Amino acid sequence: MEASEPERDEVTRPPRALLARLAADPAHAAENLALAAAQRHAPAAAAWLVERRSFYAYGPRELARMAVKRHVNLARLGGAATGFGGIVTMIPDVAAQAWIQSRMVLFIAAAHGLDPHDPMRPAEYLVIQGLYPDPPAARRGLDGAGPGIATAWAGSRLAREERLYRSLARLTGRTAGRGLGGRAIPGFAVAANALGNARDTKALGGRAIAFYSGLLPGG
């Protein structure tokens, strides 16, 4: 299933206001992204489920796999698009990857019959990504990272950007070594981003399906 141009544009580009907030508060980057993504993508997830069910008599697992395939393709396209600038585009790349992945998790939750608008969805996303031990703990973390609460940052801009990159890299499942290798070289980063983003997104999709199928703790 191919995404339309408007869909690719919306899904692979986090809002500028969110990027600014992530830069201002890198310590809560994961929580702020999860909150913004849930607000933005929940309506799309609900609409997608209605549309899919009107055409197919598939069960939750089949619908979830469709959602994974769709978002793996979006992650591959998004990674290639941000690979041209090398290190200059590394933060936008990893932010876009997290944006796509968070959307996918909402779609997978919807495929399993859960309301994508429920405030526990972004908490579950953070648990599936391994940032919190369980949804209640993640929800408490989200409640402490809302608008108006920002961590004061006394370091340099470079230090703040490095902290932000590492926070987002951890959120997407990207290791520091793999994240900085070929991705920092313009041109070569196109292939590295496309393949790496697709691989990480597919792996997350498998974990999310297991979580919502009750195969992981908290699911």
N, C-alpha and C. Protein backbone atom coordinates (compact mmCIF):
# COMPACT_ATOMS: atom_id res chain seq x y z
N MET A 1 0.85 -1.18 0.00
CA MET A 1 0.00 0.00 0.00
C MET A 1 0.89 1.24 0.00
N GLU A 2 0.76 2.07 -1.01
CA GLU A 2 1.58 3.26 -1.12
C GLU A 2 0.87 4.45 -0.50
N ALA A 3 1.63 5.26 0.20
CA ALA A 3 1.06 6.47 0.81
C ALA A 3 1.01 7.57 -0.23
N SER A 4 0.01 8.43 -0.13
CA SER A 4 -0.10 9.57 -1.03
C SER A 4 0.94 10.61 -0.65
N GLU A 5 1.19 11.55 -1.58
CA GLU A 5 2.16 12.61 -1.30
C GLU A 5 1.77 13.43 -0.07
N PRO A 6 0.50 13.86 0.06
CA PRO A 6 0.13 14.62 1.27
C PRO A 6 0.35 13.82 2.54
N GLU A 7 0.06 12.51 2.51
CA GLU A 7 0.24 11.68 3.70
C GLU A 7 1.72 11.58 4.05
N ARG A 8 2.57 11.33 3.04
CA ARG A 8 4.00 11.24 3.31
C ARG A 8 4.51 12.53 3.91
N ASP A 9 4.05 13.64 3.39
CA ASP A 9 4.51 14.93 3.87
C ASP A 9 4.12 15.14 5.32
N GLU A 10 2.88 14.81 5.68
CA GLU A 10 2.40 15.01 7.05
C GLU A 10 3.07 14.06 8.02
N VAL A 11 3.23 12.81 7.60
CA VAL A 11 3.71 11.79 8.51
C VAL A 11 5.22 11.85 8.72
N THR A 12 5.96 12.22 7.69
CA THR A 12 7.42 12.18 7.81
C THR A 12 8.02 13.50 8.26
N ARG A 13 7.21 14.51 8.50
CA ARG A 13 7.74 15.81 8.93
C ARG A 13 7.05 16.25 10.22
N PRO A 14 7.70 16.10 11.35
CA PRO A 14 7.11 16.58 12.61
C PRO A 14 6.86 18.08 12.54
N PRO A 15 5.84 18.59 13.23
CA PRO A 15 5.56 20.03 13.21
C PRO A 15 6.76 20.83 13.71
N ARG A 16 6.95 22.02 13.16
CA ARG A 16 8.07 22.86 13.57
C ARG A 16 7.99 23.22 15.05
N ALA A 17 6.78 23.42 15.53
CA ALA A 17 6.62 23.76 16.95
C ALA A 17 7.13 22.63 17.83
N LEU A 18 6.90 21.39 17.41
CA LEU A 18 7.40 20.25 18.19
C LEU A 18 8.92 20.19 18.14
N LEU A 19 9.51 20.40 16.97
CA LEU A 19 10.96 20.38 16.86
C LEU A 19 11.59 21.45 17.75
N ALA A 20 10.95 22.60 17.81
CA ALA A 20 11.46 23.67 18.66
C ALA A 20 11.39 23.27 20.13
N ARG A 21 10.31 22.61 20.51
CA ARG A 21 10.17 22.18 21.91
C ARG A 21 11.18 21.10 22.25
N LEU A 22 11.42 20.18 21.33
CA LEU A 22 12.41 19.14 21.57
C LEU A 22 13.79 19.75 21.77
N ALA A 23 14.10 20.75 20.96
CA ALA A 23 15.41 21.40 21.08
C ALA A 23 15.54 22.16 22.39
N ALA A 24 14.44 22.74 22.86
CA ALA A 24 14.47 23.51 24.11
C ALA A 24 14.52 22.62 25.34
N ASP A 25 14.00 21.39 25.23
CA ASP A 25 13.91 20.50 26.39
C ASP A 25 14.32 19.08 25.99
N PRO A 26 15.61 18.87 25.66
CA PRO A 26 16.03 17.54 25.19
C PRO A 26 15.86 16.45 26.24
N ALA A 27 15.84 16.83 27.52
CA ALA A 27 15.69 15.82 28.57
C ALA A 27 14.34 15.12 28.50
N HIS A 28 13.32 15.81 27.99
CA HIS A 28 11.98 15.23 27.87
C HIS A 28 11.58 15.04 26.41
N ALA A 29 12.56 14.83 25.54
CA ALA A 29 12.27 14.71 24.11
C ALA A 29 11.31 13.57 23.82
N ALA A 30 11.55 12.41 24.41
CA ALA A 30 10.71 11.24 24.14
C ALA A 30 9.27 11.49 24.58
N GLU A 31 9.11 12.03 25.77
CA GLU A 31 7.76 12.26 26.30
C GLU A 31 7.01 13.31 25.48
N ASN A 32 7.69 14.40 25.13
CA ASN A 32 7.03 15.45 24.37
C ASN A 32 6.65 14.97 22.97
N LEU A 33 7.51 14.17 22.36
CA LEU A 33 7.18 13.65 21.05
C LEU A 33 6.00 12.69 21.13
N ALA A 34 5.99 11.83 22.14
CA ALA A 34 4.89 10.87 22.29
C ALA A 34 3.56 11.57 22.48
N LEU A 35 3.54 12.63 23.28
CA LEU A 35 2.30 13.38 23.51
C LEU A 35 1.81 14.05 22.23
N ALA A 36 2.72 14.71 21.52
CA ALA A 36 2.33 15.40 20.29
C ALA A 36 1.88 14.42 19.22
N ALA A 37 2.57 13.29 19.13
CA ALA A 37 2.22 12.30 18.12
C ALA A 37 0.85 11.70 18.38
N ALA A 38 0.55 11.41 19.64
CA ALA A 38 -0.76 10.85 19.96
C ALA A 38 -1.88 11.82 19.60
N GLN A 39 -1.66 13.09 19.88
CA GLN A 39 -2.68 14.08 19.57
C GLN A 39 -2.88 14.22 18.06
N ARG A 40 -1.77 14.22 17.32
CA ARG A 40 -1.86 14.42 15.88
C ARG A 40 -2.35 13.18 15.13
N HIS A 41 -1.88 11.99 15.53
CA HIS A 41 -2.11 10.80 14.73
C HIS A 41 -3.30 9.95 15.15
N ALA A 42 -3.87 10.19 16.33
CA ALA A 42 -5.01 9.37 16.77
C ALA A 42 -6.19 9.44 15.80
N PRO A 43 -6.57 10.62 15.30
CA PRO A 43 -7.69 10.65 14.35
C PRO A 43 -7.41 9.85 13.08
N ALA A 44 -6.17 9.91 12.59
CA ALA A 44 -5.82 9.16 11.39
C ALA A 44 -5.90 7.66 11.64
N ALA A 45 -5.46 7.23 12.82
CA ALA A 45 -5.52 5.80 13.15
C ALA A 45 -6.96 5.31 13.22
N ALA A 46 -7.83 6.11 13.84
CA ALA A 46 -9.24 5.72 13.94
C ALA A 46 -9.89 5.67 12.56
N ALA A 47 -9.60 6.66 11.72
CA ALA A 47 -10.17 6.69 10.37
C ALA A 47 -9.66 5.53 9.52
N TRP A 48 -8.38 5.21 9.68
CA TRP A 48 -7.79 4.10 8.93
C TRP A 48 -8.48 2.79 9.28
N LEU A 49 -8.75 2.56 10.56
CA LEU A 49 -9.38 1.31 10.98
C LEU A 49 -10.77 1.19 10.37
N VAL A 50 -11.53 2.27 10.38
CA VAL A 50 -12.87 2.24 9.79
C VAL A 50 -12.78 1.93 8.30
N GLU A 51 -11.83 2.58 7.63
CA GLU A 51 -11.68 2.37 6.18
C GLU A 51 -11.25 0.95 5.86
N ARG A 52 -10.31 0.41 6.63
CA ARG A 52 -9.85 -0.96 6.38
C ARG A 52 -10.97 -1.97 6.61
N ARG A 53 -11.70 -1.78 7.68
CA ARG A 53 -12.77 -2.73 7.99
C ARG A 53 -13.92 -2.68 7.00
N SER A 54 -14.04 -1.57 6.31
CA SER A 54 -15.11 -1.47 5.30
C SER A 54 -14.77 -2.26 4.04
N PHE A 55 -13.49 -2.61 3.88
CA PHE A 55 -13.06 -3.34 2.68
C PHE A 55 -12.60 -4.76 2.98
N TYR A 56 -12.13 -5.01 4.19
CA TYR A 56 -11.54 -6.30 4.51
C TYR A 56 -12.17 -6.89 5.77
N ALA A 57 -12.22 -8.22 5.80
CA ALA A 57 -12.72 -8.92 6.99
C ALA A 57 -11.54 -9.51 7.74
N TYR A 58 -10.46 -8.73 7.86
CA TYR A 58 -9.26 -9.20 8.52
C TYR A 58 -9.36 -9.04 10.04
N GLY A 59 -8.61 -9.90 10.73
CA GLY A 59 -8.53 -9.81 12.17
C GLY A 59 -7.46 -8.83 12.61
N PRO A 60 -7.29 -8.65 13.92
CA PRO A 60 -6.33 -7.68 14.46
C PRO A 60 -4.90 -7.88 13.96
N ARG A 61 -4.43 -9.12 13.93
CA ARG A 61 -3.04 -9.35 13.53
C ARG A 61 -2.81 -8.99 12.07
N GLU A 62 -3.77 -9.33 11.21
CA GLU A 62 -3.61 -8.99 9.79
C GLU A 62 -3.63 -7.48 9.58
N LEU A 63 -4.55 -6.80 10.27
CA LEU A 63 -4.61 -5.35 10.16
C LEU A 63 -3.32 -4.71 10.69
N ALA A 64 -2.82 -5.25 11.79
CA ALA A 64 -1.59 -4.71 12.37
C ALA A 64 -0.42 -4.88 11.41
N ARG A 65 -0.35 -6.00 10.75
CA ARG A 65 0.73 -6.22 9.79
C ARG A 65 0.63 -5.25 8.61
N MET A 66 -0.59 -4.95 8.21
CA MET A 66 -0.77 -3.94 7.17
C MET A 66 -0.24 -2.59 7.63
N ALA A 67 -0.50 -2.26 8.88
CA ALA A 67 -0.02 -0.99 9.42
C ALA A 67 1.51 -0.96 9.47
N VAL A 68 2.12 -2.07 9.84
CA VAL A 68 3.58 -2.13 9.89
C VAL A 68 4.16 -1.93 8.50
N LYS A 69 3.64 -2.63 7.52
CA LYS A 69 4.15 -2.51 6.15
C LYS A 69 4.05 -1.08 5.66
N ARG A 70 2.93 -0.46 5.93
CA ARG A 70 2.71 0.92 5.50
C ARG A 70 3.74 1.87 6.12
N HIS A 71 4.02 1.72 7.39
CA HIS A 71 4.92 2.65 8.07
C HIS A 71 6.39 2.32 7.84
N VAL A 72 6.70 1.07 7.58
CA VAL A 72 8.07 0.73 7.17
C VAL A 72 8.40 1.43 5.86
N ASN A 73 7.45 1.45 4.93
CA ASN A 73 7.67 2.14 3.66
C ASN A 73 7.84 3.64 3.88
N LEU A 74 7.03 4.21 4.76
CA LEU A 74 7.16 5.64 5.06
C LEU A 74 8.50 5.94 5.71
N ALA A 75 8.96 5.06 6.61
CA ALA A 75 10.25 5.27 7.27
C ALA A 75 11.39 5.19 6.26
N ARG A 76 11.28 4.27 5.31
CA ARG A 76 12.32 4.15 4.29
C ARG A 76 12.37 5.42 3.43
N LEU A 77 11.23 5.91 3.02
CA LEU A 77 11.18 7.11 2.20
C LEU A 77 11.66 8.33 2.99
N GLY A 78 11.24 8.41 4.24
CA GLY A 78 11.65 9.55 5.06
C GLY A 78 13.15 9.55 5.32
N GLY A 79 13.74 8.38 5.53
CA GLY A 79 15.17 8.30 5.77
C GLY A 79 15.97 8.69 4.55
N ALA A 80 15.50 8.29 3.38
CA ALA A 80 16.21 8.66 2.15
C ALA A 80 16.14 10.16 1.92
N ALA A 81 15.00 10.76 2.24
CA ALA A 81 14.82 12.19 2.00
C ALA A 81 15.72 13.04 2.87
N THR A 82 16.01 12.59 4.10
CA THR A 82 16.83 13.39 5.01
C THR A 82 18.29 12.97 5.00
N GLY A 83 18.65 12.03 4.12
CA GLY A 83 20.01 11.55 4.08
C GLY A 83 20.97 12.42 3.31
N PHE A 84 20.48 13.39 2.55
CA PHE A 84 21.34 14.18 1.69
C PHE A 84 22.24 15.13 2.47
N GLY A 85 21.84 15.53 3.66
CA GLY A 85 22.61 16.53 4.38
C GLY A 85 23.60 15.99 5.38
N GLY A 86 23.71 14.67 5.51
CA GLY A 86 24.64 14.10 6.47
C GLY A 86 24.34 14.55 7.88
N ILE A 87 25.37 14.98 8.61
CA ILE A 87 25.20 15.32 10.01
C ILE A 87 24.24 16.48 10.22
N VAL A 88 24.12 17.37 9.22
CA VAL A 88 23.24 18.53 9.34
C VAL A 88 21.79 18.10 9.51
N THR A 89 21.41 16.98 8.90
CA THR A 89 20.02 16.53 8.95
C THR A 89 19.81 15.33 9.88
N MET A 90 20.79 14.99 10.68
CA MET A 90 20.66 13.81 11.53
C MET A 90 19.57 13.97 12.59
N ILE A 91 19.47 15.16 13.20
CA ILE A 91 18.41 15.35 14.19
C ILE A 91 17.04 15.36 13.53
N PRO A 92 16.81 16.08 12.43
CA PRO A 92 15.51 15.98 11.75
C PRO A 92 15.20 14.55 11.31
N ASP A 93 16.22 13.81 10.90
CA ASP A 93 16.00 12.43 10.46
C ASP A 93 15.49 11.56 11.59
N VAL A 94 16.17 11.60 12.74
CA VAL A 94 15.77 10.73 13.84
C VAL A 94 14.44 11.19 14.43
N ALA A 95 14.17 12.50 14.40
CA ALA A 95 12.87 13.00 14.86
C ALA A 95 11.75 12.51 13.94
N ALA A 96 12.00 12.55 12.63
CA ALA A 96 11.01 12.07 11.67
C ALA A 96 10.77 10.58 11.84
N GLN A 97 11.84 9.83 12.09
CA GLN A 97 11.69 8.40 12.29
C GLN A 97 10.82 8.12 13.52
N ALA A 98 11.07 8.84 14.60
CA ALA A 98 10.26 8.66 15.81
C ALA A 98 8.81 9.04 15.55
N TRP A 99 8.60 10.09 14.76
CA TRP A 99 7.26 10.55 14.42
C TRP A 99 6.49 9.47 13.67
N ILE A 100 7.16 8.84 12.71
CA ILE A 100 6.54 7.76 11.93
C ILE A 100 6.28 6.54 12.82
N GLN A 101 7.25 6.19 13.63
CA GLN A 101 7.09 5.01 14.49
C GLN A 101 5.97 5.17 15.50
N SER A 102 5.85 6.37 16.07
CA SER A 102 4.78 6.60 17.05
C SER A 102 3.41 6.48 16.39
N ARG A 103 3.33 6.94 15.16
CA ARG A 103 2.08 6.80 14.40
C ARG A 103 1.76 5.33 14.16
N MET A 104 2.76 4.55 13.80
CA MET A 104 2.55 3.13 13.56
C MET A 104 2.01 2.43 14.79
N VAL A 105 2.55 2.75 15.96
CA VAL A 105 2.09 2.09 17.18
C VAL A 105 0.62 2.40 17.44
N LEU A 106 0.21 3.64 17.18
CA LEU A 106 -1.20 3.99 17.34
C LEU A 106 -2.08 3.19 16.38
N PHE A 107 -1.60 2.98 15.15
CA PHE A 107 -2.36 2.20 14.17
C PHE A 107 -2.45 0.74 14.63
N ILE A 108 -1.36 0.21 15.17
CA ILE A 108 -1.38 -1.17 15.64
C ILE A 108 -2.33 -1.32 16.83
N ALA A 109 -2.33 -0.35 17.72
CA ALA A 109 -3.27 -0.39 18.85
C ALA A 109 -4.71 -0.37 18.34
N ALA A 110 -4.97 0.50 17.36
CA ALA A 110 -6.33 0.57 16.78
C ALA A 110 -6.71 -0.76 16.13
N ALA A 111 -5.75 -1.39 15.45
CA ALA A 111 -6.02 -2.67 14.81
C ALA A 111 -6.43 -3.73 15.84
N HIS A 112 -5.97 -3.59 17.06
CA HIS A 112 -6.33 -4.54 18.12
C HIS A 112 -7.57 -4.10 18.90
N GLY A 113 -8.29 -3.12 18.37
CA GLY A 113 -9.55 -2.72 18.97
C GLY A 113 -9.45 -1.70 20.08
N LEU A 114 -8.29 -1.06 20.24
CA LEU A 114 -8.11 -0.07 21.29
C LEU A 114 -8.30 1.34 20.74
N ASP A 115 -8.86 2.20 21.56
CA ASP A 115 -9.13 3.57 21.16
C ASP A 115 -7.81 4.33 21.03
N PRO A 116 -7.45 4.80 19.82
CA PRO A 116 -6.18 5.52 19.67
C PRO A 116 -6.13 6.84 20.41
N HIS A 117 -7.31 7.37 20.82
CA HIS A 117 -7.36 8.63 21.56
C HIS A 117 -7.13 8.46 23.06
N ASP A 118 -7.10 7.23 23.53
CA ASP A 118 -6.93 6.99 24.96
C ASP A 118 -5.58 7.52 25.43
N PRO A 119 -5.53 8.22 26.58
CA PRO A 119 -4.26 8.79 27.06
C PRO A 119 -3.20 7.75 27.41
N MET A 120 -3.57 6.48 27.47
CA MET A 120 -2.57 5.45 27.74
C MET A 120 -1.81 5.04 26.48
N ARG A 121 -2.28 5.42 25.29
CA ARG A 121 -1.57 5.02 24.07
C ARG A 121 -0.15 5.56 24.01
N PRO A 122 0.08 6.87 24.24
CA PRO A 122 1.48 7.33 24.21
C PRO A 122 2.33 6.69 25.30
N ALA A 123 1.73 6.35 26.43
CA ALA A 123 2.46 5.67 27.50
C ALA A 123 2.90 4.29 27.04
N GLU A 124 2.00 3.59 26.37
CA GLU A 124 2.32 2.25 25.87
C GLU A 124 3.43 2.31 24.82
N TYR A 125 3.39 3.34 24.00
CA TYR A 125 4.45 3.52 22.99
C TYR A 125 5.82 3.61 23.64
N LEU A 126 5.92 4.38 24.73
CA LEU A 126 7.20 4.52 25.42
C LEU A 126 7.63 3.22 26.08
N VAL A 127 6.67 2.42 26.55
CA VAL A 127 6.99 1.12 27.13
C VAL A 127 7.50 0.17 26.05
N ILE A 128 6.83 0.13 24.92
CA ILE A 128 7.23 -0.74 23.82
C ILE A 128 8.64 -0.39 23.35
N GLN A 129 8.99 0.89 23.42
CA GLN A 129 10.32 1.32 23.03
C GLN A 129 11.36 1.10 24.14
N GLY A 130 10.92 0.60 25.29
CA GLY A 130 11.85 0.26 26.35
C GLY A 130 12.27 1.40 27.24
N LEU A 131 11.55 2.52 27.20
CA LEU A 131 11.94 3.67 28.01
C LEU A 131 11.35 3.64 29.41
N TYR A 132 10.28 2.88 29.62
CA TYR A 132 9.65 2.76 30.93
C TYR A 132 9.30 1.30 31.17
N PRO A 133 9.21 0.89 32.44
CA PRO A 133 8.94 -0.52 32.73
C PRO A 133 7.49 -0.93 32.52
N ASP A 134 6.55 0.02 32.64
CA ASP A 134 5.14 -0.31 32.50
C ASP A 134 4.36 0.95 32.14
N PRO A 135 3.14 0.80 31.61
CA PRO A 135 2.35 1.95 31.19
C PRO A 135 2.06 2.97 32.29
N PRO A 136 1.71 2.55 33.54
CA PRO A 136 1.48 3.57 34.58
C PRO A 136 2.70 4.45 34.83
N ALA A 137 3.88 3.84 34.85
CA ALA A 137 5.10 4.64 35.05
C ALA A 137 5.32 5.59 33.89
N ALA A 138 5.06 5.12 32.68
CA ALA A 138 5.21 5.97 31.51
C ALA A 138 4.20 7.11 31.53
N ARG A 139 3.00 6.84 31.98
CA ARG A 139 1.98 7.90 32.04
C ARG A 139 2.39 8.97 33.03
N ARG A 140 3.00 8.56 34.15
CA ARG A 140 3.48 9.55 35.12
C ARG A 140 4.59 10.41 34.50
N GLY A 141 5.44 9.77 33.72
CA GLY A 141 6.49 10.53 33.04
C GLY A 141 5.92 11.51 32.04
N LEU A 142 4.89 11.12 31.34
CA LEU A 142 4.23 12.01 30.38
C LEU A 142 3.56 13.18 31.09
N ASP A 143 2.94 12.90 32.23
CA ASP A 143 2.27 13.97 32.98
C ASP A 143 3.27 15.00 33.51
N GLY A 144 4.53 14.60 33.64
CA GLY A 144 5.55 15.53 34.11
C GLY A 144 6.29 16.24 33.00
N ALA A 145 5.85 16.03 31.77
CA ALA A 145 6.55 16.64 30.63
C ALA A 145 5.60 17.44 29.76
N GLY A 146 4.52 17.89 30.31
CA GLY A 146 3.54 18.64 29.53
C GLY A 146 3.99 20.05 29.21
N PRO A 147 3.19 20.79 28.45
CA PRO A 147 3.52 22.18 28.10
C PRO A 147 3.75 23.02 29.35
N GLY A 148 4.74 23.87 29.30
CA GLY A 148 5.02 24.75 30.41
C GLY A 148 6.06 24.19 31.37
N ILE A 149 6.42 22.92 31.20
CA ILE A 149 7.45 22.32 32.05
C ILE A 149 8.64 21.99 31.17
N ALA A 150 9.71 22.72 31.34
CA ALA A 150 10.92 22.50 30.55
C ALA A 150 12.13 22.49 31.47
N THR A 151 13.07 21.65 31.14
CA THR A 151 14.28 21.57 31.93
C THR A 151 15.23 22.69 31.53
N ALA A 152 15.72 23.43 32.52
CA ALA A 152 16.69 24.49 32.23
C ALA A 152 17.97 23.85 31.71
N TRP A 153 18.53 24.42 30.64
CA TRP A 153 19.71 23.85 30.03
C TRP A 153 20.82 24.89 30.05
N ALA A 154 21.89 24.55 30.76
CA ALA A 154 22.98 25.52 30.93
C ALA A 154 24.13 25.27 29.98
N GLY A 155 24.12 24.16 29.24
CA GLY A 155 25.22 23.83 28.35
C GLY A 155 25.16 24.57 27.03
N SER A 156 26.10 24.27 26.18
CA SER A 156 26.18 24.91 24.87
C SER A 156 25.11 24.35 23.93
N ARG A 157 24.93 25.02 22.82
CA ARG A 157 23.96 24.54 21.83
C ARG A 157 24.39 23.18 21.31
N LEU A 158 25.68 22.98 21.08
CA LEU A 158 26.17 21.69 20.60
C LEU A 158 25.86 20.59 21.59
N ALA A 159 26.08 20.87 22.87
CA ALA A 159 25.79 19.86 23.90
C ALA A 159 24.30 19.54 23.94
N ARG A 160 23.47 20.57 23.79
CA ARG A 160 22.03 20.35 23.80
C ARG A 160 21.60 19.51 22.59
N GLU A 161 22.18 19.80 21.43
CA GLU A 161 21.82 19.04 20.23
C GLU A 161 22.29 17.59 20.34
N GLU A 162 23.46 17.40 20.95
CA GLU A 162 23.93 16.03 21.14
C GLU A 162 23.01 15.28 22.09
N ARG A 163 22.57 15.93 23.15
CA ARG A 163 21.64 15.29 24.10
C ARG A 163 20.32 14.96 23.39
N LEU A 164 19.85 15.87 22.56
CA LEU A 164 18.60 15.64 21.85
C LEU A 164 18.74 14.47 20.89
N TYR A 165 19.84 14.44 20.14
CA TYR A 165 20.04 13.34 19.20
C TYR A 165 20.06 12.00 19.93
N ARG A 166 20.78 11.94 21.02
CA ARG A 166 20.89 10.67 21.74
C ARG A 166 19.55 10.25 22.35
N SER A 167 18.78 11.23 22.81
CA SER A 167 17.46 10.92 23.37
C SER A 167 16.54 10.34 22.29
N LEU A 168 16.54 10.98 21.13
CA LEU A 168 15.69 10.52 20.04
C LEU A 168 16.19 9.21 19.45
N ALA A 169 17.52 9.05 19.40
CA ALA A 169 18.07 7.80 18.89
C ALA A 169 17.66 6.63 19.78
N ARG A 170 17.70 6.84 21.08
CA ARG A 170 17.25 5.79 22.01
C ARG A 170 15.77 5.50 21.82
N LEU A 171 15.00 6.54 21.59
CA LEU A 171 13.56 6.38 21.40
C LEU A 171 13.26 5.53 20.18
N THR A 172 14.03 5.68 19.11
CA THR A 172 13.75 4.95 17.87
C THR A 172 14.42 3.59 17.81
N GLY A 173 15.25 3.26 18.82
CA GLY A 173 15.94 1.99 18.80
C GLY A 173 17.25 2.03 18.05
N ARG A 174 17.71 3.22 17.71
CA ARG A 174 18.96 3.38 16.97
C ARG A 174 20.12 3.43 17.96
N THR A 175 21.14 2.61 17.73
CA THR A 175 22.31 2.64 18.60
C THR A 175 23.19 3.82 18.24
N ALA A 176 23.95 4.31 19.21
CA ALA A 176 24.80 5.48 18.97
C ALA A 176 25.80 5.22 17.86
N GLY A 177 26.42 4.03 17.86
CA GLY A 177 27.43 3.75 16.85
C GLY A 177 26.83 3.69 15.46
N ARG A 178 25.73 2.94 15.31
CA ARG A 178 25.11 2.83 14.00
C ARG A 178 24.49 4.15 13.60
N GLY A 179 24.04 4.92 14.58
CA GLY A 179 23.41 6.18 14.25
C GLY A 179 24.38 7.19 13.68
N LEU A 180 25.66 7.15 14.09
CA LEU A 180 26.60 8.18 13.67
C LEU A 180 27.47 7.74 12.51
N GLY A 181 27.49 6.47 12.15
CA GLY A 181 28.39 5.99 11.13
C GLY A 181 28.18 6.60 9.76
N GLY A 182 27.65 5.81 8.84
CA GLY A 182 27.46 6.28 7.48
C GLY A 182 26.44 7.39 7.36
N ARG A 183 25.60 7.56 8.38
CA ARG A 183 24.57 8.59 8.33
C ARG A 183 25.16 10.00 8.34
N ALA A 184 26.39 10.15 8.79
CA ALA A 184 27.01 11.47 8.87
C ALA A 184 27.68 11.87 7.56
N ILE A 185 27.70 10.97 6.58
CA ILE A 185 28.36 11.26 5.30
C ILE A 185 27.29 11.56 4.27
N PRO A 186 27.21 12.81 3.75
CA PRO A 186 26.20 13.14 2.75
C PRO A 186 26.26 12.17 1.57
N GLY A 187 25.11 11.83 1.03
CA GLY A 187 25.05 10.90 -0.08
C GLY A 187 24.97 9.47 0.41
N PHE A 188 26.03 8.98 1.07
CA PHE A 188 26.01 7.64 1.62
C PHE A 188 24.91 7.51 2.65
N ALA A 189 24.62 8.62 3.33
CA ALA A 189 23.59 8.59 4.36
C ALA A 189 22.22 8.30 3.79
N VAL A 190 22.01 8.56 2.51
CA VAL A 190 20.71 8.27 1.89
C VAL A 190 20.38 6.79 2.04
N ALA A 191 21.33 5.93 1.64
CA ALA A 191 21.10 4.49 1.75
C ALA A 191 21.10 4.04 3.20
N ALA A 192 22.01 4.57 4.00
CA ALA A 192 22.08 4.17 5.41
C ALA A 192 20.80 4.52 6.14
N ASN A 193 20.29 5.73 5.91
CA ASN A 193 19.05 6.15 6.57
C ASN A 193 17.88 5.30 6.12
N ALA A 194 17.73 5.11 4.83
CA ALA A 194 16.59 4.37 4.31
C ALA A 194 16.54 2.96 4.87
N LEU A 195 17.68 2.26 4.82
CA LEU A 195 17.72 0.88 5.30
C LEU A 195 17.59 0.80 6.82
N GLY A 196 18.32 1.66 7.52
CA GLY A 196 18.28 1.63 8.98
C GLY A 196 16.91 2.00 9.53
N ASN A 197 16.31 3.05 8.99
CA ASN A 197 15.00 3.47 9.48
C ASN A 197 13.95 2.40 9.23
N ALA A 198 13.99 1.78 8.05
CA ALA A 198 13.03 0.73 7.74
C ALA A 198 13.22 -0.47 8.68
N ARG A 199 14.47 -0.84 8.92
CA ARG A 199 14.74 -2.00 9.78
C ARG A 199 14.27 -1.75 11.21
N ASP A 200 14.60 -0.57 11.75
CA ASP A 200 14.20 -0.25 13.12
C ASP A 200 12.69 -0.18 13.25
N THR A 201 12.03 0.37 12.25
CA THR A 201 10.57 0.51 12.29
C THR A 201 9.89 -0.85 12.20
N LYS A 202 10.42 -1.73 11.37
CA LYS A 202 9.86 -3.08 11.28
C LYS A 202 10.02 -3.82 12.59
N ALA A 203 11.18 -3.67 13.24
CA ALA A 203 11.41 -4.33 14.53
C ALA A 203 10.44 -3.81 15.58
N LEU A 204 10.23 -2.50 15.60
CA LEU A 204 9.27 -1.93 16.55
C LEU A 204 7.87 -2.45 16.27
N GLY A 205 7.52 -2.57 15.00
CA GLY A 205 6.20 -3.10 14.65
C GLY A 205 5.98 -4.49 15.22
N GLY A 206 7.01 -5.32 15.15
CA GLY A 206 6.90 -6.67 15.72
C GLY A 206 6.70 -6.63 17.22
N ARG A 207 7.43 -5.73 17.90
CA ARG A 207 7.27 -5.62 19.36
C ARG A 207 5.88 -5.09 19.72
N ALA A 208 5.38 -4.14 18.94
CA ALA A 208 4.07 -3.57 19.23
C ALA A 208 2.96 -4.61 19.03
N ILE A 209 3.07 -5.41 17.98
CA ILE A 209 2.08 -6.46 17.76
C ILE A 209 2.11 -7.46 18.91
N ALA A 210 3.31 -7.83 19.36
CA ALA A 210 3.42 -8.74 20.50
C ALA A 210 2.83 -8.12 21.76
N PHE A 211 3.11 -6.84 21.97
CA PHE A 211 2.59 -6.14 23.15
C PHE A 211 1.06 -6.16 23.16
N TYR A 212 0.48 -5.75 22.06
CA TYR A 212 -0.99 -5.66 22.02
C TYR A 212 -1.66 -7.01 21.86
N SER A 213 -0.89 -8.01 21.52
CA SER A 213 -1.45 -9.37 21.50
C SER A 213 -1.32 -10.04 22.85
N GLY A 214 -0.74 -9.31 23.82
CA GLY A 214 -0.62 -9.85 25.17
C GLY A 214 0.58 -10.73 25.39
N LEU A 215 1.57 -10.66 24.47
CA LEU A 215 2.74 -11.54 24.57
C LEU A 215 3.91 -10.89 25.32
N LEU A 216 3.79 -9.58 25.61
CA LEU A 216 4.83 -8.90 26.36
C LEU A 216 4.23 -8.40 27.66
N PRO A 217 5.05 -8.24 28.71
CA PRO A 217 4.54 -7.70 29.98
C PRO A 217 3.88 -6.35 29.75
N GLY A 218 2.68 -6.19 30.31
CA GLY A 218 1.96 -4.94 30.15
C GLY A 218 0.99 -4.95 29.01
N GLY A 219 1.09 -5.94 28.11
CA GLY A 219 0.21 -5.98 26.95
C GLY A 219 -1.12 -6.59 27.26
